[in-house]
Protein backbone atom coordinates (compact mmCIF):
# COMPACT_ATOMS: atom_id res chain seq x y z
CA MET A 1 38.05 -105.24 -53.25
CA ASN A 2 35.68 -103.38 -51.08
CA GLN A 3 36.05 -99.62 -52.05
CA ALA A 4 34.61 -98.48 -48.81
CA ILE A 5 37.68 -100.04 -47.07
CA GLN A 6 41.10 -98.43 -48.16
CA PHE A 7 44.68 -98.91 -46.88
CA PRO A 8 46.94 -95.89 -47.30
CA ASP A 9 50.81 -97.02 -47.21
CA ARG A 10 51.49 -95.03 -43.88
CA GLU A 11 52.50 -97.94 -41.62
CA ASN A 12 54.79 -97.15 -38.72
CA TRP A 13 56.61 -98.69 -35.70
CA ASP A 14 55.15 -98.01 -32.37
CA GLU A 15 57.79 -98.73 -29.95
CA THR A 16 55.43 -98.47 -26.77
CA ARG A 17 53.15 -100.76 -28.10
CA GLN A 18 55.65 -103.05 -29.93
CA ALA A 19 53.47 -103.14 -32.98
CA VAL A 20 53.39 -102.05 -36.54
CA CYS A 21 50.35 -99.61 -36.68
CA PHE A 22 48.57 -98.59 -39.99
CA PRO A 23 45.74 -96.47 -40.90
CA VAL A 24 42.69 -97.84 -42.90
CA MET A 25 39.96 -95.50 -44.10
CA VAL A 26 36.50 -97.07 -43.78
CA SER A 27 33.58 -95.17 -45.51
CA GLY A 28 35.65 -91.96 -45.12
CA PHE A 29 36.62 -92.62 -41.58
CA GLN A 30 40.10 -93.45 -40.32
CA LEU A 31 40.71 -96.49 -37.91
CA THR A 32 43.93 -97.72 -36.81
CA CYS A 33 44.96 -101.22 -37.14
CA ALA A 34 47.94 -102.79 -35.51
CA ILE A 35 49.70 -105.93 -35.32
CA THR A 36 52.42 -106.73 -32.49
CA LYS A 37 56.04 -107.85 -33.21
CA ASN A 38 55.31 -111.18 -31.83
CA ALA A 39 52.14 -111.80 -33.92
CA LEU A 40 54.23 -110.91 -36.88
CA CYS A 41 56.97 -113.46 -36.01
CA GLN A 42 54.44 -116.03 -35.31
CA ARG A 43 52.79 -115.72 -38.61
CA PHE A 44 55.64 -114.94 -41.02
CA GLY A 45 58.90 -115.49 -39.11
CA GLU A 46 61.66 -113.50 -37.58
CA GLY A 47 63.02 -110.07 -39.00
CA GLU A 48 62.46 -106.32 -38.67
CA PRO A 49 58.81 -105.60 -38.04
CA LEU A 50 58.09 -102.95 -40.74
CA THR A 51 60.19 -105.21 -43.48
CA VAL A 52 58.06 -108.25 -42.42
CA PHE A 53 54.73 -106.22 -42.49
CA ARG A 54 55.66 -104.92 -46.02
CA ALA A 55 56.58 -108.20 -47.30
CA ASN A 56 52.99 -109.39 -46.22
CA ARG A 57 51.02 -106.42 -46.58
CA TRP A 58 48.23 -108.05 -48.75
CA ASP A 59 47.64 -110.88 -46.38
CA LEU A 60 47.48 -108.57 -43.49
CA GLU A 61 45.19 -106.25 -45.08
CA ASP A 62 42.93 -108.98 -45.91
CA LEU A 63 42.90 -110.07 -42.31
CA ALA A 64 42.20 -106.47 -41.37
CA GLN A 65 39.44 -106.02 -43.69
CA ALA A 66 37.62 -109.25 -42.27
CA LEU A 67 38.07 -108.04 -38.84
CA ILE A 68 36.84 -104.58 -39.66
CA GLU A 69 33.98 -106.02 -41.45
CA ALA A 70 32.94 -108.25 -38.29
CA HIS A 71 33.36 -104.96 -36.24
CA LYS A 72 36.19 -106.33 -34.09
CA GLU A 73 37.44 -102.77 -32.98
CA ASP A 74 38.62 -102.38 -29.34
CA ASP A 75 37.19 -99.82 -26.92
CA GLN A 76 39.75 -97.26 -28.50
CA GLY A 77 38.54 -97.96 -32.03
CA TRP A 78 41.69 -100.00 -32.90
CA VAL A 79 41.74 -103.20 -34.79
CA TRP A 80 44.44 -105.51 -33.54
CA LEU A 81 45.50 -108.45 -35.78
CA SER A 82 46.63 -111.79 -34.35
């Protein structure tokens, strides 16, 4: 694991964005990663978004890490998983 990228267990459901959002620390700076409910369902099947996220945390963190390393942040500095 890359020690410069850390994922604290502080995910939350954002009703406005219809997405699970979770922080990531990258070399001491915090970014926000997110995945929509639709993307979660397409990848892992139906279910309550936070429960699905937690059940698949390792895979989602690996995907987020790859996107961060590829500098795939949007204009607001968010990393959206699809």
